[in-house]
Protein backbone atom coordinates (compact mmCIF):
# COMPACT_ATOMS: atom_id res chain seq x y z
CA ALA A 1 33.37 22.13 -14.49
CA ARG A 2 30.94 21.17 -17.55
CA ASP A 3 32.02 17.78 -17.45
CA ILE A 4 31.35 17.08 -13.63
CA SER A 5 28.00 18.64 -14.09
CA ASP A 6 27.15 16.23 -17.05
CA ALA A 7 28.27 13.32 -15.45
CA VAL A 8 26.52 14.37 -12.30
CA GLY A 9 23.37 15.14 -14.42
CA ASP A 10 23.59 11.55 -16.06
CA ARG A 11 23.78 9.84 -12.68
CA VAL A 12 20.81 12.03 -11.62
CA GLN A 13 18.81 10.36 -14.71
CA PHE A 14 20.01 7.12 -13.60
CA VAL A 15 18.44 7.05 -10.28
CA ASN A 16 15.20 8.90 -11.30
CA ALA A 17 14.73 6.02 -13.77
CA LEU A 18 15.47 3.56 -11.00
CA LEU A 19 12.97 5.31 -8.79
CA GLY A 20 10.44 5.46 -11.33
CA LYS A 21 11.23 1.67 -12.18
CA SER A 22 10.73 1.02 -8.50
CA ARG A 23 7.47 2.81 -7.65
CA LEU A 24 6.24 0.60 -10.97
CA PHE A 25 7.28 -2.72 -9.82
CA ASP A 26 6.01 -2.11 -6.18
CA LYS A 27 2.76 -0.72 -7.29
CA VAL A 28 1.86 -4.08 -9.50
CA GLY A 29 3.59 -6.57 -7.25
CA TYR A 30 6.08 -7.47 -9.96
CA ARG A 31 8.70 -9.33 -7.81
CA PRO A 32 11.55 -9.88 -10.09
CA GLY A 33 11.30 -6.22 -11.40
CA CYS A 34 11.81 -5.20 -7.25
CA ASP A 35 14.16 -8.12 -7.06
CA SER A 36 16.27 -6.33 -9.92
CA THR A 37 16.09 -2.48 -8.91
CA LEU A 38 16.52 -3.41 -5.36
CA ALA A 39 20.16 -4.74 -6.39
CA GLU A 40 20.94 -1.73 -8.67
CA LEU A 41 20.11 0.69 -5.88
CA ASP A 42 22.33 -1.63 -3.35
CA SER A 43 25.26 -1.11 -5.63
CA TYR A 44 24.57 2.56 -6.03
CA THR A 45 25.98 4.97 -3.22
CA ASP A 46 26.63 8.40 -5.11
CA ARG A 47 27.79 11.04 -2.51
CA ALA A 48 27.59 13.28 -5.29
CA LEU A 49 24.23 13.34 -5.60
CA SER A 50 21.98 15.56 -3.28
CA TYR A 51 20.54 15.03 -0.20
CA ASP A 52 17.22 14.67 -1.22
CA HIS A 53 18.00 12.12 -4.04
CA ARG A 54 19.95 10.44 -1.34
CA LEU A 55 17.15 10.36 0.99
CA GLU A 56 14.79 8.90 -1.87
CA VAL A 57 16.78 6.09 -2.84
CA ARG A 58 16.91 5.16 0.91
CA LEU A 59 13.08 5.54 0.87
CA CYS A 60 12.83 3.21 -2.14
CA LYS A 61 15.03 0.59 -0.45
CA ALA A 62 13.18 0.54 2.77
CA ARG A 63 9.77 0.16 0.51
CA LEU A 64 11.43 -2.62 -1.97
CA LEU A 65 12.77 -4.42 1.10
CA TYR A 66 9.34 -4.62 3.01
CA ALA A 67 8.15 -5.95 -0.59
CA ARG A 68 10.18 -8.78 -0.50
CA ASP A 69 9.30 -9.92 2.68
CA LEU A 70 12.02 -8.85 4.47
CA LEU A 71 10.78 -6.85 7.47
CA PRO A 72 13.44 -6.54 10.12
CA GLU A 73 15.78 -5.05 7.16
CA ALA A 74 12.98 -2.76 6.17
CA LEU A 75 12.07 -1.99 9.90
CA GLU A 76 16.07 -1.07 10.69
CA LEU A 77 16.22 1.12 7.46
CA ALA A 78 12.52 3.00 8.12
CA GLY A 79 13.93 3.87 11.61
CA ALA A 80 17.28 5.13 10.38
CA ILE A 81 15.48 7.13 8.10
CA LEU A 82 13.17 8.49 10.64
CA THR A 83 16.31 9.39 12.67
CA ASP A 84 17.99 11.55 10.08
CA ALA A 85 15.27 13.12 8.09
CA LYS A 86 15.34 16.58 7.52
CA ARG A 87 12.19 16.80 5.12
CA PRO A 88 9.04 16.53 6.61
CA GLU A 89 7.86 14.34 3.78
CA ALA A 90 10.63 11.55 4.46
CA GLU A 91 9.50 11.86 8.12
CA ILE A 92 6.01 11.22 6.99
CA GLU A 93 6.87 8.16 4.33
CA ALA A 94 9.12 6.32 7.16
CA ARG A 95 6.33 6.65 9.98
CA LEU A 96 4.02 5.27 7.21
CA LEU A 97 6.05 2.10 6.64
CA LEU A 98 6.90 1.80 9.90
CA GLY A 99 3.02 1.51 10.65
CA GLU A 100 2.22 -0.64 8.08
CA ILE A 101 4.97 -3.26 9.11
CA ALA A 102 3.58 -3.10 12.64
CA LEU A 103 0.21 -3.84 11.40
CA ALA A 104 1.62 -6.96 9.56
CA GLY A 105 2.60 -8.22 12.99
CA GLU A 106 5.21 -10.51 14.01
CA GLY A 107 6.19 -13.15 11.66
CA ALA A 108 3.44 -11.90 9.31
CA SER A 109 4.32 -11.50 5.61
CA ALA A 110 5.61 -7.80 4.97
CA LYS A 111 3.40 -8.24 1.81
CA GLY A 112 0.90 -9.21 3.90
CA ARG A 113 -0.77 -5.72 3.64
CA PRO A 114 -3.72 -6.10 6.26
CA SER A 115 -6.56 -6.85 3.46
CA GLU A 116 -4.11 -9.85 1.98
CA ASN A 117 -3.89 -10.96 5.62
CA ILE A 118 -7.49 -11.37 6.20
CA GLU A 119 -7.99 -13.44 3.32
CA THR A 120 -5.10 -15.82 3.98
CA HIS A 121 -6.06 -16.39 7.81
CA GLY A 122 -10.08 -15.81 7.45
CA THR A 123 -10.66 -13.62 10.38
CA PHE A 124 -9.42 -9.93 10.75
CA ALA A 125 -8.62 -10.56 14.27
CA GLU A 126 -5.75 -12.98 13.22
CA ALA A 127 -5.13 -10.57 10.13
CA VAL A 128 -3.26 -7.96 11.96
CA GLY A 129 -0.74 -8.06 14.58
CA GLY A 130 -1.73 -7.96 18.50
CA PRO A 131 -2.84 -5.02 20.76
CA ALA A 132 0.85 -4.40 21.22
CA GLU A 133 1.37 -4.18 17.30
CA THR A 134 -1.89 -2.56 16.62
CA ILE A 135 -1.09 0.22 19.44
CA GLU A 136 2.37 0.72 18.02
CA ALA A 137 1.08 1.15 14.12
CA LEU A 138 -1.97 3.51 15.62
CA ARG A 139 0.95 5.74 17.20
CA GLU A 140 3.35 5.92 14.08
CA LEU A 141 0.02 6.25 11.45
CA THR A 142 -1.55 9.04 13.55
CA ALA A 143 1.69 10.92 13.59
CA SER A 144 2.22 10.73 10.02
CA VAL A 145 -1.46 11.97 9.41
CA GLU A 146 -1.31 14.78 11.63
CA ALA A 147 2.48 15.79 9.87
CA ALA A 148 0.56 15.42 6.57
CA ARG A 149 -2.01 17.66 7.52
CA ALA A 150 0.39 20.26 8.78
CA TYR A 151 2.63 20.55 5.48
CA SER A 152 -0.51 19.42 3.12
CA TYR A 153 0.73 16.43 2.00
CA ARG A 154 -2.93 15.26 1.27
CA GLY A 155 -1.90 11.82 -0.63
CA LEU A 156 0.20 10.67 2.22
CA GLU A 157 -2.85 11.88 4.59
CA ALA A 158 -5.08 9.70 2.69
CA GLU A 159 -2.64 6.56 2.68
CA GLY A 160 -2.27 7.47 6.41
CA LEU A 161 -5.68 7.51 7.04
CA ARG A 162 -6.49 3.99 5.28
CA LEU A 163 -3.90 2.49 7.07
CA MET A 164 -5.47 4.03 10.49
CA ALA A 165 -8.77 2.09 9.42
CA TYR A 166 -7.00 -1.10 9.76
CA ALA A 167 -4.97 -0.30 13.36
CA LEU A 168 -8.35 1.04 14.42
CA ALA A 169 -10.38 -2.23 13.64
CA GLY A 170 -7.35 -4.53 15.13
CA GLN A 171 -8.15 -2.63 18.48
CA GLY A 172 -11.95 -3.24 18.11
CA ARG A 173 -12.72 0.27 17.40
CA PHE A 174 -15.03 -0.44 14.33
CA GLU A 175 -16.63 2.85 14.23
CA ASP A 176 -13.65 4.96 14.42
CA ALA A 177 -12.50 2.51 11.54
CA ILE A 178 -15.04 2.97 9.38
CA ARG A 179 -14.86 7.02 9.77
CA SER A 180 -11.07 6.58 9.06
CA ALA A 181 -11.44 4.48 6.07
CA GLU A 182 -14.44 6.48 4.64
CA GLU A 183 -12.15 9.70 4.83
CA ALA A 184 -9.71 7.82 3.22
CA ILE A 185 -11.49 7.25 0.08
CA GLU A 186 -13.21 10.57 -0.24
CA LEU A 187 -9.84 11.99 0.12
CA ALA A 188 -8.31 9.94 -2.45
CA GLY A 189 -11.30 10.57 -4.97
CA ARG A 190 -10.77 14.61 -4.24
CA LEU A 191 -7.16 13.98 -5.27
CA GLY A 192 -7.75 11.95 -8.32
CA LEU A 193 -5.57 8.96 -6.56
CA ASP A 194 -6.43 5.43 -7.54
CA GLU A 195 -9.23 4.33 -5.43
CA TYR A 196 -8.70 0.32 -5.39
CA ASP A 197 -6.70 0.05 -2.06
CA TYR A 198 -9.00 2.73 -0.74
CA LEU A 199 -12.20 0.97 -1.54
CA VAL A 200 -10.90 -2.64 -0.86
CA THR A 201 -9.95 -1.06 3.07
CA CYS A 202 -13.54 -0.02 3.20
CA GLY A 203 -14.67 -3.24 2.24
CA ASP A 204 -12.76 -5.00 4.82
CA ILE A 205 -13.61 -2.98 7.52
CA HIS A 206 -17.31 -3.14 7.30
CA VAL A 207 -16.53 -6.97 7.23
CA ALA A 208 -14.59 -6.85 10.42
CA ALA A 209 -17.60 -5.20 11.79
CA GLY A 210 -19.74 -7.57 10.63
CA ARG A 211 -21.55 -5.22 7.96
CA ASP A 212 -21.31 -7.41 4.98
CA ASP A 213 -24.25 -5.97 3.22
CA GLU A 214 -22.40 -2.78 3.56
CA ALA A 215 -19.07 -4.10 2.34
CA LEU A 216 -20.22 -5.16 -0.75
CA PRO A 217 -20.76 -2.18 -2.92
CA PHE A 218 -17.25 -1.01 -2.32
CA TYR A 219 -15.87 -4.44 -3.36
CA ILE A 220 -17.41 -4.26 -6.37
CA ARG A 221 -16.54 -0.84 -6.76
CA ALA A 222 -12.65 -1.94 -6.29
CA LEU A 223 -13.21 -4.55 -8.66
CA ASP A 224 -14.46 -2.37 -11.64
CA ARG A 225 -11.54 0.33 -10.81
CA ALA A 226 -8.95 -3.03 -11.16
CA ALA A 227 -10.73 -4.02 -14.23
CA THR A 228 -9.95 -0.57 -15.93
CA VAL A 229 -6.50 -0.30 -14.67
CA SER A 230 -5.56 -3.96 -15.71
CA ASN A 231 -7.38 -3.91 -19.45
CA ASP A 232 -6.39 -0.17 -20.36
CA LYS A 233 -3.53 1.07 -17.88
CA CYS A 234 -1.17 -2.05 -17.03
CA PRO A 235 1.46 -3.14 -19.07
CA PRO A 236 0.56 -6.40 -20.45
CA ARG A 237 3.75 -8.25 -19.02
CA LEU A 238 2.90 -6.93 -15.67
CA ARG A 239 -0.76 -7.49 -15.90
CA ALA A 240 -0.24 -11.23 -14.04
CA SER A 241 1.60 -9.44 -11.57
CA TYR A 242 -0.81 -6.68 -10.94
CA LEU A 243 -3.67 -8.97 -10.89
CA GLU A 244 -1.74 -11.12 -8.10
CA GLN A 245 -1.03 -8.30 -5.96
CA LYS A 246 -4.52 -7.18 -5.91
CA ARG A 247 -5.37 -10.55 -5.37
CA ILE A 248 -8.35 -10.04 -8.09
CA ARG A 249 -9.32 -13.60 -7.37
CA ALA A 250 -9.73 -13.68 -3.73
CA TYR A 251 -12.07 -10.60 -3.89
CA ILE A 252 -13.55 -12.25 -6.94
CA THR A 253 -14.77 -15.16 -4.80
CA LEU A 254 -15.56 -13.38 -1.62
CA VAL A 255 -17.99 -11.05 -3.92
CA GLU A 256 -19.68 -14.08 -5.00
CA ASP A 257 -20.29 -15.30 -1.34
CA LEU A 258 -21.51 -11.63 0.01
CA ARG A 259 -23.84 -11.92 -2.90
CA LEU A 260 -25.13 -15.33 -2.00
CA ARG A 261 -25.13 -14.88 1.53
CA SER A 262 -26.92 -11.73 1.38
CA GLY A 263 -29.70 -13.05 -1.13
CA GLU A 264 -29.18 -9.66 -3.17
CA GLY A 265 -31.00 -10.11 -6.74
CA GLY A 266 -29.98 -8.54 -9.82
CA GLU A 267 -27.05 -9.43 -12.67
CA LEU A 268 -23.51 -9.37 -11.35
CA ARG A 269 -20.63 -8.54 -13.57
CA ASP A 270 -18.85 -11.74 -14.73
CA TYR A 271 -15.14 -10.91 -12.99
CA ARG A 272 -13.84 -13.96 -14.25
CA ALA A 273 -14.41 -12.95 -18.20
CA VAL A 274 -13.40 -9.44 -17.28
CA PHE A 275 -10.14 -10.18 -15.64
CA ASP A 276 -9.74 -13.58 -17.89
CA LEU A 277 -9.61 -15.59 -15.23
CA ASP A 278 -11.72 -18.64 -16.19
């Protein structure tokens, strides 16, 4: 019995290590790490693990499939998780992923987080899915936020509110989108979450609403936050992936352009030097 218990314990530790690696690699956009971790998880189907562990492995696989631009596979797996999830947290996470995939729109890059698609396509209307996609996204995201509030999963609530802002803006409901984005960043700040994505979302929504001057402070705060993470916290071998994942170069260019158009005075931090991009 002790031998069996020790063996299961080793497997649990191994799976926990894989899950930890997958979260880190997904967060910084380290594609080789995502690929290798997904391959390991694909070969690991141990029925001796608890239901919660098996569920977390499936959620991890779905997120990694999405990170690799494999939308149909990620969509199918997230839908299956939603169907048989026995834990509210898993249902919420599955709905968040389904909503984010819908936001990307048909044929869009899965790693086309909405902010990435905006920079790629040039206009907000082209950056998110069409009316059908944004309606579907808003349905899933609204349900995820309601469930997160009901079960006090505040971090998932913040992420749902952030993504809802893009869905609302995609429908032209800019005032509602701004409120959702600002509520998300306020909640993220209270929870001590990394604010970069929330700040970028606020900037994106204000730009989409034609409020460039109001967008600029959010982007500047986002770059300042990213500089702290990149220079002080990010493992050196993952730094380049982090800068690419967060589209730092594109946002530096956008900030410079917004400053030029606004005619705002004062000295702007040399972000290209800060991130060693020259």
